[in-house]
Amino acid sequence: MRPGMLTRSRANRKVKTPGGKLVIHRQKFYKSGGTCAITGGKLHLSRRAKHGRRRGASLSAKRPNRPYGGVISSQALRRGIIKAARE
């Protein structure tokens, strides 16, 4: 989400409770976990790559240590290596 969209007014939502009262719930904005460039599926990232732990961790801790780690999924990489070996 763009930084301009991460505003206080967007985070606060009015919700009607089962008791009939109108209360304000605060919505948290998280970054998406990451998607594979080939399949479009969700990437399996380490725990340090998620939500609030991004800043403290090193770059190598956030991504898998393999070719195209953090860009394409392991299944897509496996298919690419097999395809290249067969050619």
N, C-alpha and C. Protein backbone atom coordinates (compact mmCIF):
# COMPACT_ATOMS: atom_id res chain seq x y z
N MET A 1 0.84 -1.18 0.00
CA MET A 1 0.00 0.00 0.00
C MET A 1 0.88 1.24 0.00
N ARG A 2 0.47 2.25 -0.74
CA ARG A 2 1.24 3.48 -0.80
C ARG A 2 1.32 4.15 0.56
N PRO A 3 2.42 4.85 0.87
CA PRO A 3 2.53 5.54 2.16
C PRO A 3 1.41 6.55 2.41
N GLY A 4 0.92 7.16 1.33
CA GLY A 4 -0.18 8.12 1.47
C GLY A 4 -1.48 7.48 1.91
N MET A 5 -1.60 6.19 1.74
CA MET A 5 -2.82 5.48 2.12
C MET A 5 -2.77 4.99 3.57
N LEU A 6 -1.59 5.03 4.19
CA LEU A 6 -1.43 4.54 5.56
C LEU A 6 -1.77 5.65 6.56
N THR A 7 -2.97 6.16 6.49
CA THR A 7 -3.37 7.29 7.33
C THR A 7 -4.20 6.82 8.52
N ARG A 8 -4.33 7.70 9.49
CA ARG A 8 -5.08 7.39 10.70
C ARG A 8 -6.56 7.20 10.40
N SER A 9 -7.08 8.02 9.47
CA SER A 9 -8.50 7.92 9.15
C SER A 9 -8.84 6.61 8.45
N ARG A 10 -7.90 6.09 7.68
CA ARG A 10 -8.14 4.78 7.03
C ARG A 10 -8.00 3.63 8.02
N ALA A 11 -7.19 3.81 9.04
CA ALA A 11 -6.96 2.75 10.01
C ALA A 11 -8.14 2.60 10.96
N ASN A 12 -8.80 3.70 11.31
CA ASN A 12 -9.93 3.65 12.24
C ASN A 12 -11.20 3.30 11.49
N ARG A 13 -11.85 2.24 11.93
CA ARG A 13 -13.09 1.77 11.31
C ARG A 13 -14.20 1.75 12.34
N LYS A 14 -15.38 2.25 11.96
CA LYS A 14 -16.54 2.18 12.85
C LYS A 14 -17.21 0.84 12.66
N VAL A 15 -17.39 0.10 13.76
CA VAL A 15 -17.96 -1.24 13.70
C VAL A 15 -19.12 -1.31 14.67
N LYS A 16 -20.23 -1.86 14.21
CA LYS A 16 -21.39 -2.03 15.09
C LYS A 16 -21.26 -3.39 15.79
N THR A 17 -21.26 -3.38 17.10
CA THR A 17 -21.10 -4.60 17.90
C THR A 17 -22.45 -5.32 18.01
N PRO A 18 -22.44 -6.58 18.45
CA PRO A 18 -23.71 -7.30 18.61
C PRO A 18 -24.66 -6.63 19.61
N GLY A 19 -24.11 -5.85 20.54
CA GLY A 19 -24.95 -5.15 21.50
C GLY A 19 -25.60 -3.90 20.93
N GLY A 20 -25.27 -3.52 19.71
CA GLY A 20 -25.88 -2.38 19.06
C GLY A 20 -25.07 -1.10 19.18
N LYS A 21 -23.95 -1.13 19.90
CA LYS A 21 -23.13 0.06 20.05
C LYS A 21 -22.21 0.23 18.84
N LEU A 22 -21.87 1.48 18.56
CA LEU A 22 -20.94 1.78 17.49
C LEU A 22 -19.58 2.07 18.12
N VAL A 23 -18.58 1.24 17.83
CA VAL A 23 -17.25 1.42 18.42
C VAL A 23 -16.24 1.55 17.29
N ILE A 24 -15.06 2.07 17.62
CA ILE A 24 -14.00 2.23 16.63
C ILE A 24 -12.98 1.11 16.80
N HIS A 25 -12.76 0.37 15.73
CA HIS A 25 -11.72 -0.66 15.70
C HIS A 25 -10.56 -0.13 14.88
N ARG A 26 -9.36 -0.37 15.36
CA ARG A 26 -8.18 0.07 14.62
C ARG A 26 -7.69 -1.09 13.74
N GLN A 27 -7.53 -0.78 12.46
CA GLN A 27 -7.09 -1.78 11.49
C GLN A 27 -5.58 -1.65 11.30
N LYS A 28 -4.86 -2.76 11.35
CA LYS A 28 -3.42 -2.73 11.15
C LYS A 28 -3.10 -2.96 9.69
N PHE A 29 -2.13 -2.22 9.18
CA PHE A 29 -1.70 -2.37 7.80
C PHE A 29 -0.38 -3.14 7.80
N TYR A 30 -0.39 -4.31 7.20
CA TYR A 30 0.83 -5.09 7.08
C TYR A 30 1.24 -5.15 5.62
N LYS A 31 2.52 -5.29 5.38
CA LYS A 31 2.99 -5.49 4.03
C LYS A 31 2.68 -6.92 3.62
N SER A 32 2.45 -7.11 2.33
CA SER A 32 2.18 -8.46 1.84
C SER A 32 3.45 -9.29 1.98
N GLY A 33 3.31 -10.55 2.23
CA GLY A 33 4.45 -11.42 2.47
C GLY A 33 5.38 -11.55 1.30
N GLY A 34 4.91 -11.35 0.10
CA GLY A 34 5.74 -11.50 -1.10
C GLY A 34 5.13 -12.53 -2.03
N THR A 35 5.19 -12.25 -3.32
CA THR A 35 4.62 -13.16 -4.30
C THR A 35 5.69 -13.60 -5.29
N CYS A 36 5.52 -14.79 -5.81
CA CYS A 36 6.44 -15.36 -6.79
C CYS A 36 6.27 -14.63 -8.11
N ALA A 37 7.38 -14.30 -8.77
CA ALA A 37 7.34 -13.57 -10.03
C ALA A 37 6.83 -14.44 -11.18
N ILE A 38 6.94 -15.76 -11.06
CA ILE A 38 6.53 -16.65 -12.14
C ILE A 38 5.12 -17.19 -11.91
N THR A 39 4.90 -17.81 -10.75
CA THR A 39 3.60 -18.45 -10.48
C THR A 39 2.58 -17.49 -9.89
N GLY A 40 3.03 -16.43 -9.25
CA GLY A 40 2.11 -15.50 -8.60
C GLY A 40 1.65 -15.97 -7.23
N GLY A 41 2.18 -17.11 -6.78
CA GLY A 41 1.80 -17.65 -5.48
C GLY A 41 2.55 -16.96 -4.35
N LYS A 42 2.15 -17.27 -3.12
CA LYS A 42 2.74 -16.66 -1.95
C LYS A 42 4.11 -17.28 -1.66
N LEU A 43 5.10 -16.44 -1.35
CA LEU A 43 6.44 -16.92 -1.02
C LEU A 43 6.49 -17.36 0.44
N HIS A 44 7.24 -18.41 0.72
CA HIS A 44 7.45 -18.86 2.08
C HIS A 44 8.71 -18.17 2.60
N LEU A 45 8.52 -17.11 3.36
CA LEU A 45 9.64 -16.33 3.87
C LEU A 45 9.92 -16.69 5.32
N SER A 46 11.11 -16.33 5.80
CA SER A 46 11.45 -16.60 7.18
C SER A 46 10.66 -15.68 8.11
N ARG A 47 10.63 -16.00 9.39
CA ARG A 47 9.87 -15.21 10.36
C ARG A 47 10.42 -13.79 10.47
N ARG A 48 11.71 -13.62 10.25
CA ARG A 48 12.31 -12.30 10.35
C ARG A 48 11.89 -11.38 9.22
N ALA A 49 11.39 -11.96 8.12
CA ALA A 49 10.98 -11.14 6.98
C ALA A 49 9.57 -10.61 7.16
N LYS A 50 8.87 -11.05 8.18
CA LYS A 50 7.47 -10.69 8.33
C LYS A 50 7.29 -9.48 9.24
N HIS A 51 6.31 -8.68 8.92
CA HIS A 51 5.77 -7.55 9.68
C HIS A 51 6.82 -6.70 10.40
N GLY A 52 6.81 -6.64 11.72
CA GLY A 52 7.62 -5.68 12.45
C GLY A 52 9.08 -6.06 12.59
N ARG A 53 9.45 -7.24 12.17
CA ARG A 53 10.83 -7.69 12.35
C ARG A 53 11.71 -7.36 11.16
N ARG A 54 11.20 -6.68 10.17
CA ARG A 54 11.97 -6.40 8.96
C ARG A 54 13.20 -5.55 9.20
N ARG A 55 13.06 -4.49 9.98
CA ARG A 55 14.14 -3.52 10.12
C ARG A 55 15.36 -4.09 10.84
N GLY A 56 15.14 -4.88 11.87
CA GLY A 56 16.26 -5.36 12.68
C GLY A 56 17.08 -6.44 12.02
N ALA A 57 16.48 -7.20 11.13
CA ALA A 57 17.16 -8.35 10.54
C ALA A 57 18.01 -7.94 9.34
N SER A 58 19.06 -8.73 9.11
CA SER A 58 19.91 -8.49 7.95
C SER A 58 19.20 -8.96 6.68
N LEU A 59 19.71 -8.52 5.54
CA LEU A 59 19.09 -8.86 4.26
C LEU A 59 19.13 -10.36 4.00
N SER A 60 20.23 -11.01 4.39
CA SER A 60 20.35 -12.45 4.16
C SER A 60 19.42 -13.25 5.06
N ALA A 61 19.03 -12.67 6.19
CA ALA A 61 18.11 -13.36 7.10
C ALA A 61 16.67 -13.28 6.60
N LYS A 62 16.39 -12.32 5.73
CA LYS A 62 15.03 -12.13 5.27
C LYS A 62 14.69 -12.97 4.04
N ARG A 63 15.70 -13.42 3.33
CA ARG A 63 15.46 -14.15 2.09
C ARG A 63 16.12 -15.52 2.13
N PRO A 64 15.55 -16.51 1.43
CA PRO A 64 16.19 -17.82 1.36
C PRO A 64 17.53 -17.72 0.63
N ASN A 65 18.51 -18.44 1.11
CA ASN A 65 19.85 -18.41 0.51
C ASN A 65 19.95 -19.43 -0.61
N ARG A 66 19.36 -19.07 -1.76
CA ARG A 66 19.43 -19.88 -2.96
C ARG A 66 19.29 -18.94 -4.15
N PRO A 67 19.59 -19.39 -5.37
CA PRO A 67 19.43 -18.52 -6.52
C PRO A 67 17.98 -18.03 -6.63
N TYR A 68 17.81 -16.76 -6.91
CA TYR A 68 16.50 -16.10 -7.01
C TYR A 68 15.70 -16.19 -5.71
N GLY A 69 16.38 -16.32 -4.57
CA GLY A 69 15.70 -16.40 -3.28
C GLY A 69 14.98 -15.10 -2.96
N GLY A 70 13.73 -15.19 -2.57
CA GLY A 70 12.93 -14.01 -2.27
C GLY A 70 12.27 -13.41 -3.50
N VAL A 71 12.51 -13.99 -4.68
CA VAL A 71 11.91 -13.48 -5.91
C VAL A 71 10.95 -14.51 -6.50
N ILE A 72 11.45 -15.76 -6.67
CA ILE A 72 10.57 -16.82 -7.16
C ILE A 72 10.51 -17.94 -6.12
N SER A 73 9.43 -18.69 -6.18
CA SER A 73 9.22 -19.76 -5.20
C SER A 73 10.14 -20.94 -5.49
N SER A 74 10.29 -21.82 -4.50
CA SER A 74 11.17 -22.97 -4.66
C SER A 74 10.65 -23.92 -5.73
N GLN A 75 9.33 -24.03 -5.87
CA GLN A 75 8.75 -24.91 -6.90
C GLN A 75 9.06 -24.38 -8.30
N ALA A 76 8.97 -23.06 -8.48
CA ALA A 76 9.26 -22.46 -9.79
C ALA A 76 10.74 -22.60 -10.13
N LEU A 77 11.60 -22.42 -9.14
CA LEU A 77 13.04 -22.57 -9.35
C LEU A 77 13.37 -24.01 -9.72
N ARG A 78 12.74 -24.95 -9.05
CA ARG A 78 12.97 -26.37 -9.32
C ARG A 78 12.57 -26.71 -10.75
N ARG A 79 11.41 -26.21 -11.18
CA ARG A 79 10.96 -26.44 -12.55
C ARG A 79 11.92 -25.83 -13.56
N GLY A 80 12.46 -24.64 -13.25
CA GLY A 80 13.39 -23.97 -14.15
C GLY A 80 14.70 -24.71 -14.28
N ILE A 81 15.20 -25.25 -13.16
CA ILE A 81 16.47 -26.00 -13.19
C ILE A 81 16.30 -27.29 -13.98
N ILE A 82 15.20 -27.99 -13.76
CA ILE A 82 14.93 -29.24 -14.50
C ILE A 82 14.79 -28.97 -15.99
N LYS A 83 14.08 -27.88 -16.32
CA LYS A 83 13.88 -27.50 -17.73
C LYS A 83 15.21 -27.17 -18.40
N ALA A 84 16.09 -26.44 -17.69
CA ALA A 84 17.40 -26.07 -18.23
C ALA A 84 18.30 -27.30 -18.42
N ALA A 85 18.19 -28.26 -17.49
CA ALA A 85 19.01 -29.46 -17.57
C ALA A 85 18.58 -30.35 -18.73
N ARG A 86 17.31 -30.33 -19.07
CA ARG A 86 16.80 -31.17 -20.16
C ARG A 86 17.10 -30.60 -21.54
N GLU A 87 17.41 -29.30 -21.60
CA GLU A 87 17.70 -28.68 -22.89
C GLU A 87 19.11 -28.96 -23.36
